[in-house]
């Protein structure tokens, strides 16, 4: 009963891969433009990981186009930035992101090495093995890993992916970063659904929960048991059920 539109953010999948424009302000304008191009005035924004970062940001950057938001596996940007300062555990979890700030080397590791597969395996929930374990392979299986490996080797994708991480940290003292911070610092006034994996080792559950202080409207928080960072792949049934139940409550 809902009109669902799935889009690749710039730099990923079938979207264009320009050399710049991976700041959250531009990305929010991209999403708002898609909503208007489809003939709608507003939409419920659902995003995972960087899509979740963008979902948290949309009420401050594109308020007219944002009816409600659902953020999967991602804390509010300002909460996450704060956690990287005072929370040693979250800082350790984001150590790869600090390494992504280097030029060229991360792109080579993603395209010529096996880092893409390694990060997916690291940030997914550990799979059961041994006597009495669930025999299903779960996520990621080898087929899924090969899909992501090939996707990261599409020309310019690795660079585009790294630019998300680089802007998130490098922009903090710059004018564009200060503009972003000012735009999203107010408490969110639209309904919010937050889904988070109990075993997420990239954005820690404690960091996700700390985001609640950023919400001034109706908030629904659900922690998905036995799931890591990749909720749509690791727990698709639970994610779909949670979204549908929540959407029925959105005005």
C-alpha atoms as a PDB file:
ATOM      1  CA  UNK A   1       0.000   0.000   0.000  1.00  0.00           C
ATOM      2  CA  UNK A   2       2.993   2.311  -0.028  1.00  0.00           C
ATOM      3  CA  UNK A   3       4.858   3.803  -2.955  1.00  0.00           C
ATOM      4  CA  UNK A   4       8.452   2.752  -2.344  1.00  0.00           C
ATOM      5  CA  UNK A   5      11.342   4.303  -4.265  1.00  0.00           C
ATOM      6  CA  UNK A   6      14.842   2.881  -3.836  1.00  0.00           C
ATOM      7  CA  UNK A   7      17.689   5.023  -5.122  1.00  0.00           C
ATOM      8  CA  UNK A   8      21.442   4.706  -5.220  1.00  0.00           C
ATOM      9  CA  UNK A   9      23.107   7.698  -3.631  1.00  0.00           C
ATOM     10  CA  UNK A  10      25.625   9.457  -5.848  1.00  0.00           C
ATOM     11  CA  UNK A  11      28.755   7.410  -6.273  1.00  0.00           C
ATOM     12  CA  UNK A  12      27.061   4.052  -5.762  1.00  0.00           C
ATOM     13  CA  UNK A  13      25.352   1.522  -8.023  1.00  0.00           C
ATOM     14  CA  UNK A  14      23.833   3.040 -11.142  1.00  0.00           C
ATOM     15  CA  UNK A  15      24.029   6.653  -9.953  1.00  0.00           C
ATOM     16  CA  UNK A  16      26.547   9.096 -11.407  1.00  0.00           C
ATOM     17  CA  UNK A  17      30.008   9.178  -9.870  1.00  0.00           C
ATOM     18  CA  UNK A  18      31.203  12.785 -10.086  1.00  0.00           C
ATOM     19  CA  UNK A  19      34.525  13.735  -8.498  1.00  0.00           C
ATOM     20  CA  UNK A  20      32.845  15.820  -5.785  1.00  0.00           C
ATOM     21  CA  UNK A  21      29.501  16.491  -4.132  1.00  0.00           C
ATOM     22  CA  UNK A  22      29.671  13.883  -1.356  1.00  0.00           C
ATOM     23  CA  UNK A  23      28.931  16.330   1.417  1.00  0.00           C
ATOM     24  CA  UNK A  24      25.664  15.765   3.268  1.00  0.00           C
ATOM     25  CA  UNK A  25      24.238  19.124   2.208  1.00  0.00           C
ATOM     26  CA  UNK A  26      24.524  18.200  -1.479  1.00  0.00           C
ATOM     27  CA  UNK A  27      23.263  14.661  -0.858  1.00  0.00           C
ATOM     28  CA  UNK A  28      20.173  16.003   0.906  1.00  0.00           C
ATOM     29  CA  UNK A  29      19.506  18.243  -2.096  1.00  0.00           C
ATOM     30  CA  UNK A  30      19.830  15.143  -4.320  1.00  0.00           C
ATOM     31  CA  UNK A  31      17.166  13.288  -2.338  1.00  0.00           C
ATOM     32  CA  UNK A  32      14.855  16.295  -2.148  1.00  0.00           C
ATOM     33  CA  UNK A  33      15.214  16.713  -5.917  1.00  0.00           C
ATOM     34  CA  UNK A  34      14.220  13.095  -6.513  1.00  0.00           C
ATOM     35  CA  UNK A  35      11.117  13.532  -4.352  1.00  0.00           C
ATOM     36  CA  UNK A  36      10.025  16.589  -6.309  1.00  0.00           C
ATOM     37  CA  UNK A  37      10.898  14.971  -9.651  1.00  0.00           C
ATOM     38  CA  UNK A  38       8.532  12.110  -8.791  1.00  0.00           C
ATOM     39  CA  UNK A  39       5.701  14.603  -8.342  1.00  0.00           C
ATOM     40  CA  UNK A  40       5.585  14.419  -4.539  1.00  0.00           C
ATOM     41  CA  UNK A  41       5.892  17.240  -2.043  1.00  0.00           C
ATOM     42  CA  UNK A  42       7.295  15.128   0.794  1.00  0.00           C
ATOM     43  CA  UNK A  43       8.241  11.577   1.692  1.00  0.00           C
ATOM     44  CA  UNK A  44       9.233   9.313   4.552  1.00  0.00           C
ATOM     45  CA  UNK A  45      13.020   8.980   4.323  1.00  0.00           C
ATOM     46  CA  UNK A  46      14.391   5.523   5.149  1.00  0.00           C
ATOM     47  CA  UNK A  47      18.141   5.006   5.071  1.00  0.00           C
ATOM     48  CA  UNK A  48      20.826   2.556   6.183  1.00  0.00           C
ATOM     49  CA  UNK A  49      24.400   3.453   7.155  1.00  0.00           C
ATOM     50  CA  UNK A  50      25.238   6.598   5.115  1.00  0.00           C
ATOM     51  CA  UNK A  51      21.607   6.613   4.057  1.00  0.00           C
ATOM     52  CA  UNK A  52      20.781   6.637   7.773  1.00  0.00           C
ATOM     53  CA  UNK A  53      23.196   9.536   8.342  1.00  0.00           C
ATOM     54  CA  UNK A  54      21.365  11.347   5.555  1.00  0.00           C
ATOM     55  CA  UNK A  55      17.948  10.450   6.974  1.00  0.00           C
ATOM     56  CA  UNK A  56      18.910  11.976  10.332  1.00  0.00           C
ATOM     57  CA  UNK A  57      20.040  15.110   8.476  1.00  0.00           C
ATOM     58  CA  UNK A  58      17.036  15.590   6.187  1.00  0.00           C
ATOM     59  CA  UNK A  59      14.762  17.376   8.723  1.00  0.00           C
ATOM     60  CA  UNK A  60      17.383  20.096   9.080  1.00  0.00           C
ATOM     61  CA  UNK A  61      18.461  20.284   5.450  1.00  0.00           C
ATOM     62  CA  UNK A  62      15.227  19.574   3.548  1.00  0.00           C
ATOM     63  CA  UNK A  63      12.428  20.054   6.054  1.00  0.00           C
ATOM     64  CA  UNK A  64       9.649  20.613   3.495  1.00  0.00           C
ATOM     65  CA  UNK A  65      10.361  17.299   1.774  1.00  0.00           C
ATOM     66  CA  UNK A  66      10.725  15.251   4.976  1.00  0.00           C
ATOM     67  CA  UNK A  67       7.569  13.799   6.510  1.00  0.00           C
ATOM     68  CA  UNK A  68       9.300  11.324   8.824  1.00  0.00           C
ATOM     69  CA  UNK A  69      12.593   9.446   9.007  1.00  0.00           C
ATOM     70  CA  UNK A  70      13.756   5.890   9.675  1.00  0.00           C
ATOM     71  CA  UNK A  71      17.472   5.471  10.404  1.00  0.00           C
ATOM     72  CA  UNK A  72      18.972   1.997  10.283  1.00  0.00           C
ATOM     73  CA  UNK A  73      22.367   1.180  11.802  1.00  0.00           C
ATOM     74  CA  UNK A  74      23.358   4.813  12.191  1.00  0.00           C
ATOM     75  CA  UNK A  75      23.451   7.347  14.996  1.00  0.00           C
ATOM     76  CA  UNK A  76      22.612  11.019  14.608  1.00  0.00           C
ATOM     77  CA  UNK A  77      25.645  12.678  12.958  1.00  0.00           C
ATOM     78  CA  UNK A  78      26.296  15.058  15.845  1.00  0.00           C
ATOM     79  CA  UNK A  79      25.938  12.265  18.382  1.00  0.00           C
ATOM     80  CA  UNK A  80      28.356  10.089  16.449  1.00  0.00           C
ATOM     81  CA  UNK A  81      30.894  12.893  16.135  1.00  0.00           C
ATOM     82  CA  UNK A  82      30.634  13.519  19.852  1.00  0.00           C
ATOM     83  CA  UNK A  83      31.081   9.822  20.639  1.00  0.00           C
ATOM     84  CA  UNK A  84      34.276   9.738  18.604  1.00  0.00           C
ATOM     85  CA  UNK A  85      35.637  12.344  21.019  1.00  0.00           C
ATOM     86  CA  UNK A  86      34.639  10.908  24.400  1.00  0.00           C
ATOM     87  CA  UNK A  87      33.926   7.203  23.813  1.00  0.00           C
ATOM     88  CA  UNK A  88      37.061   5.088  23.383  1.00  0.00           C
ATOM     89  CA  UNK A  89      35.047   2.048  22.292  1.00  0.00           C
ATOM     90  CA  UNK A  90      33.331   3.959  19.475  1.00  0.00           C
ATOM     91  CA  UNK A  91      36.629   5.472  18.439  1.00  0.00           C
ATOM     92  CA  UNK A  92      38.163   1.984  18.201  1.00  0.00           C
ATOM     93  CA  UNK A  93      35.174   0.818  16.186  1.00  0.00           C
ATOM     94  CA  UNK A  94      35.757   3.658  13.724  1.00  0.00           C
ATOM     95  CA  UNK A  95      39.480   3.087  13.345  1.00  0.00           C
ATOM     96  CA  UNK A  96      39.023   2.033   9.691  1.00  0.00           C
ATOM     97  CA  UNK A  97      37.339   5.386   9.043  1.00  0.00           C
ATOM     98  CA  UNK A  98      40.399   7.193  10.340  1.00  0.00           C
ATOM     99  CA  UNK A  99      42.521   5.143   7.933  1.00  0.00           C
ATOM    100  CA  UNK A 100      40.148   6.085   5.102  1.00  0.00           C
ATOM    101  CA  UNK A 101      41.315   9.691   5.448  1.00  0.00           C
ATOM    102  CA  UNK A 102      44.564   8.820   3.682  1.00  0.00           C
ATOM    103  CA  UNK A 103      44.688   9.556  -0.055  1.00  0.00           C
ATOM    104  CA  UNK A 104      44.788   6.821  -2.709  1.00  0.00           C
ATOM    105  CA  UNK A 105      45.748   3.928  -0.430  1.00  0.00           C
ATOM    106  CA  UNK A 106      42.185   3.079   0.737  1.00  0.00           C
ATOM    107  CA  UNK A 107      40.940   3.027  -2.864  1.00  0.00           C
ATOM    108  CA  UNK A 108      43.686   0.592  -3.803  1.00  0.00           C
ATOM    109  CA  UNK A 109      42.886  -1.663  -0.873  1.00  0.00           C
ATOM    110  CA  UNK A 110      39.224  -1.743  -1.872  1.00  0.00           C
ATOM    111  CA  UNK A 111      39.775  -2.398  -5.569  1.00  0.00           C
ATOM    112  CA  UNK A 112      42.977  -4.434  -5.674  1.00  0.00           C
ATOM    113  CA  UNK A 113      42.827  -6.077  -2.278  1.00  0.00           C
ATOM    114  CA  UNK A 114      40.062  -7.741  -0.327  1.00  0.00           C
ATOM    115  CA  UNK A 115      39.200  -4.971   2.109  1.00  0.00           C
ATOM    116  CA  UNK A 116      35.575  -4.621   0.994  1.00  0.00           C
ATOM    117  CA  UNK A 117      34.907  -8.261   1.863  1.00  0.00           C
ATOM    118  CA  UNK A 118      36.885  -7.959   5.086  1.00  0.00           C
ATOM    119  CA  UNK A 119      34.851  -4.989   6.316  1.00  0.00           C
ATOM    120  CA  UNK A 120      31.529  -6.643   5.485  1.00  0.00           C
ATOM    121  CA  UNK A 121      32.558  -9.735   7.420  1.00  0.00           C
ATOM    122  CA  UNK A 122      33.900  -7.653  10.307  1.00  0.00           C
ATOM    123  CA  UNK A 123      30.774  -5.531  10.697  1.00  0.00           C
ATOM    124  CA  UNK A 124      28.257  -8.359  10.243  1.00  0.00           C
ATOM    125  CA  UNK A 125      27.116 -10.400  13.218  1.00  0.00           C
ATOM    126  CA  UNK A 126      29.249 -13.506  13.842  1.00  0.00           C
ATOM    127  CA  UNK A 127      27.727 -16.546  12.199  1.00  0.00           C
ATOM    128  CA  UNK A 128      27.053 -19.627  14.294  1.00  0.00           C
ATOM    129  CA  UNK A 129      29.129 -22.707  13.701  1.00  0.00           C
ATOM    130  CA  UNK A 130      29.580 -26.095  15.288  1.00  0.00           C
ATOM    131  CA  UNK A 131      27.189 -28.636  16.763  1.00  0.00           C
ATOM    132  CA  UNK A 132      23.653 -27.346  17.200  1.00  0.00           C
ATOM    133  CA  UNK A 133      24.232 -24.225  15.137  1.00  0.00           C
ATOM    134  CA  UNK A 134      21.799 -22.940  12.560  1.00  0.00           C
ATOM    135  CA  UNK A 135      22.904 -24.597   9.295  1.00  0.00           C
ATOM    136  CA  UNK A 136      21.827 -21.623   7.153  1.00  0.00           C
ATOM    137  CA  UNK A 137      24.792 -19.552   5.967  1.00  0.00           C
ATOM    138  CA  UNK A 138      23.186 -16.201   6.817  1.00  0.00           C
ATOM    139  CA  UNK A 139      24.767 -12.957   5.661  1.00  0.00           C
ATOM    140  CA  UNK A 140      27.246 -12.630   4.142  1.00  0.00           C
ATOM    141  CA  UNK A 141      27.479 -15.786   2.087  1.00  0.00           C
ATOM    142  CA  UNK A 142      30.044 -16.143  -0.675  1.00  0.00           C
ATOM    143  CA  UNK A 143      27.600 -15.068  -3.390  1.00  0.00           C
ATOM    144  CA  UNK A 144      26.808 -11.825  -1.575  1.00  0.00           C
ATOM    145  CA  UNK A 145      30.485 -11.129  -0.945  1.00  0.00           C
ATOM    146  CA  UNK A 146      31.259 -11.544  -4.628  1.00  0.00           C
ATOM    147  CA  UNK A 147      28.498  -9.084  -5.545  1.00  0.00           C
ATOM    148  CA  UNK A 148      29.965  -6.440  -3.224  1.00  0.00           C
ATOM    149  CA  UNK A 149      33.507  -7.183  -4.369  1.00  0.00           C
ATOM    150  CA  UNK A 150      32.526  -6.593  -7.998  1.00  0.00           C
ATOM    151  CA  UNK A 151      30.483  -3.495  -7.148  1.00  0.00           C
ATOM    152  CA  UNK A 152      33.424  -1.858  -5.374  1.00  0.00           C
ATOM    153  CA  UNK A 153      35.625  -2.436  -8.443  1.00  0.00           C
ATOM    154  CA  UNK A 154      33.341  -0.485 -10.770  1.00  0.00           C
ATOM    155  CA  UNK A 155      35.392   2.545 -11.893  1.00  0.00           C
ATOM    156  CA  UNK A 156      35.264   5.498  -9.460  1.00  0.00           C
ATOM    157  CA  UNK A 157      33.058   3.698  -6.885  1.00  0.00           C
ATOM    158  CA  UNK A 158      35.858   3.184  -4.366  1.00  0.00           C
ATOM    159  CA  UNK A 159      36.820   6.869  -4.519  1.00  0.00           C
ATOM    160  CA  UNK A 160      33.199   7.966  -4.173  1.00  0.00           C
ATOM    161  CA  UNK A 161      32.710   5.665  -1.187  1.00  0.00           C
ATOM    162  CA  UNK A 162      35.772   7.064   0.560  1.00  0.00           C
ATOM    163  CA  UNK A 163      34.633  10.644  -0.005  1.00  0.00           C
ATOM    164  CA  UNK A 164      31.628  10.079   2.296  1.00  0.00           C
ATOM    165  CA  UNK A 165      33.955   9.162   5.158  1.00  0.00           C
ATOM    166  CA  UNK A 166      36.433  11.905   4.373  1.00  0.00           C
ATOM    167  CA  UNK A 167      33.865  14.683   4.285  1.00  0.00           C
ATOM    168  CA  UNK A 168      32.268  13.514   7.544  1.00  0.00           C
ATOM    169  CA  UNK A 169      35.502  14.101   9.459  1.00  0.00           C
ATOM    170  CA  UNK A 170      37.462  16.664   7.454  1.00  0.00           C
ATOM    171  CA  UNK A 171      34.590  19.122   7.198  1.00  0.00           C
ATOM    172  CA  UNK A 172      34.167  19.577  10.964  1.00  0.00           C
ATOM    173  CA  UNK A 173      36.335  22.745  11.260  1.00  0.00           C
ATOM    174  CA  UNK A 174      35.517  24.088   7.793  1.00  0.00           C
ATOM    175  CA  UNK A 175      32.770  26.497   6.787  1.00  0.00           C
ATOM    176  CA  UNK A 176      30.677  23.791   5.091  1.00  0.00           C
ATOM    177  CA  UNK A 177      30.991  21.587   8.164  1.00  0.00           C
ATOM    178  CA  UNK A 178      29.925  24.406  10.476  1.00  0.00           C
ATOM    179  CA  UNK A 179      26.969  25.114   8.182  1.00  0.00           C
ATOM    180  CA  UNK A 180      25.961  21.444   8.352  1.00  0.00           C
ATOM    181  CA  UNK A 181      26.252  21.380  12.143  1.00  0.00           C
ATOM    182  CA  UNK A 182      24.106  24.494  12.478  1.00  0.00           C
ATOM    183  CA  UNK A 183      21.451  23.062  10.161  1.00  0.00           C
ATOM    184  CA  UNK A 184      20.947  19.813  12.102  1.00  0.00           C
ATOM    185  CA  UNK A 185      21.501  20.895  15.705  1.00  0.00           C
ATOM    186  CA  UNK A 186      17.817  21.490  16.515  1.00  0.00           C
ATOM    187  CA  UNK A 187      15.781  18.624  17.934  1.00  0.00           C
ATOM    188  CA  UNK A 188      13.997  16.673  15.213  1.00  0.00           C
ATOM    189  CA  UNK A 189      10.312  17.571  14.965  1.00  0.00           C
ATOM    190  CA  UNK A 190       9.101  14.726  12.710  1.00  0.00           C
ATOM    191  CA  UNK A 191       8.411  11.092  13.689  1.00  0.00           C
ATOM    192  CA  UNK A 192      11.548   8.952  13.946  1.00  0.00           C
ATOM    193  CA  UNK A 193      12.085   5.205  13.751  1.00  0.00           C
ATOM    194  CA  UNK A 194      15.525   3.958  14.728  1.00  0.00           C
ATOM    195  CA  UNK A 195      16.516   0.335  14.116  1.00  0.00           C
ATOM    196  CA  UNK A 196      19.847  -0.944  15.319  1.00  0.00           C
ATOM    197  CA  UNK A 197      21.584  -4.300  15.424  1.00  0.00           C
ATOM    198  CA  UNK A 198      22.333  -5.622  18.876  1.00  0.00           C
ATOM    199  CA  UNK A 199      25.774  -6.789  17.671  1.00  0.00           C
ATOM    200  CA  UNK A 200      26.679  -3.758  15.535  1.00  0.00           C
ATOM    201  CA  UNK A 201      30.444  -3.267  15.868  1.00  0.00           C
ATOM    202  CA  UNK A 202      30.662  -0.226  13.594  1.00  0.00           C
ATOM    203  CA  UNK A 203      28.110   2.130  15.149  1.00  0.00           C
ATOM    204  CA  UNK A 204      27.819   0.845  18.691  1.00  0.00           C
ATOM    205  CA  UNK A 205      24.330   0.467  20.207  1.00  0.00           C
ATOM    206  CA  UNK A 206      25.240   2.838  23.039  1.00  0.00           C
ATOM    207  CA  UNK A 207      26.030   5.539  20.478  1.00  0.00           C
ATOM    208  CA  UNK A 208      22.765   4.882  18.670  1.00  0.00           C
ATOM    209  CA  UNK A 209      20.761   5.171  21.887  1.00  0.00           C
ATOM    210  CA  UNK A 210      22.473   8.458  22.746  1.00  0.00           C
ATOM    211  CA  UNK A 211      20.872   9.890  19.589  1.00  0.00           C
ATOM    212  CA  UNK A 212      17.500   9.953  21.328  1.00  0.00           C
ATOM    213  CA  UNK A 213      18.290  13.311  22.911  1.00  0.00           C
ATOM    214  CA  UNK A 214      18.246  14.760  19.374  1.00  0.00           C
ATOM    215  CA  UNK A 215      14.576  13.851  18.856  1.00  0.00           C
ATOM    216  CA  UNK A 216      11.778  16.117  19.984  1.00  0.00           C
ATOM    217  CA  UNK A 217       8.871  14.289  18.323  1.00  0.00           C
ATOM    218  CA  UNK A 218       7.600  10.711  18.433  1.00  0.00           C
ATOM    219  CA  UNK A 219      10.484   8.251  18.646  1.00  0.00           C
ATOM    220  CA  UNK A 220      10.362   4.487  18.145  1.00  0.00           C
ATOM    221  CA  UNK A 221      13.584   2.608  18.881  1.00  0.00           C
ATOM    222  CA  UNK A 222      14.040  -1.093  18.232  1.00  0.00           C
ATOM    223  CA  UNK A 223      17.180  -3.115  18.760  1.00  0.00           C
ATOM    224  CA  UNK A 224      17.334  -6.187  16.533  1.00  0.00           C
ATOM    225  CA  UNK A 225      18.781  -9.212  18.360  1.00  0.00           C
ATOM    226  CA  UNK A 226      21.616 -11.258  16.846  1.00  0.00           C
ATOM    227  CA  UNK A 227      22.127  -8.702  14.043  1.00  0.00           C
ATOM    228  CA  UNK A 228      25.187  -6.665  13.176  1.00  0.00           C
ATOM    229  CA  UNK A 229      25.567  -3.532  11.073  1.00  0.00           C
ATOM    230  CA  UNK A 230      23.887  -4.698   7.853  1.00  0.00           C
ATOM    231  CA  UNK A 231      20.295  -4.873   9.071  1.00  0.00           C
ATOM    232  CA  UNK A 232      18.492  -5.030   5.689  1.00  0.00           C
ATOM    233  CA  UNK A 233      20.608  -8.047   4.706  1.00  0.00           C
ATOM    234  CA  UNK A 234      20.962  -9.729   8.092  1.00  0.00           C
ATOM    235  CA  UNK A 235      17.386  -9.326   9.335  1.00  0.00           C
ATOM    236  CA  UNK A 236      15.177  -8.467   6.329  1.00  0.00           C
ATOM    237  CA  UNK A 237      11.942  -9.838   7.799  1.00  0.00           C
ATOM    238  CA  UNK A 238      12.332  -7.950  11.078  1.00  0.00           C
ATOM    239  CA  UNK A 239      13.222  -4.729   9.269  1.00  0.00           C
ATOM    240  CA  UNK A 240      10.245  -4.973   6.921  1.00  0.00           C
ATOM    241  CA  UNK A 241       7.834  -5.732   9.767  1.00  0.00           C
ATOM    242  CA  UNK A 242       9.164  -2.872  11.886  1.00  0.00           C
ATOM    243  CA  UNK A 243       8.916  -0.404   8.993  1.00  0.00           C
ATOM    244  CA  UNK A 244       5.371  -1.403   8.069  1.00  0.00           C
ATOM    245  CA  UNK A 245       4.145  -1.263  11.670  1.00  0.00           C
ATOM    246  CA  UNK A 246       5.739   2.149  12.159  1.00  0.00           C
ATOM    247  CA  UNK A 247       4.520   3.588   8.850  1.00  0.00           C
ATOM    248  CA  UNK A 248       0.929   2.953   9.961  1.00  0.00           C
ATOM    249  CA  UNK A 249       1.500   5.437  12.786  1.00  0.00           C
ATOM    250  CA  UNK A 250       3.026   8.193  10.625  1.00  0.00           C
ATOM    251  CA  UNK A 251       0.513  10.986   9.864  1.00  0.00           C
END
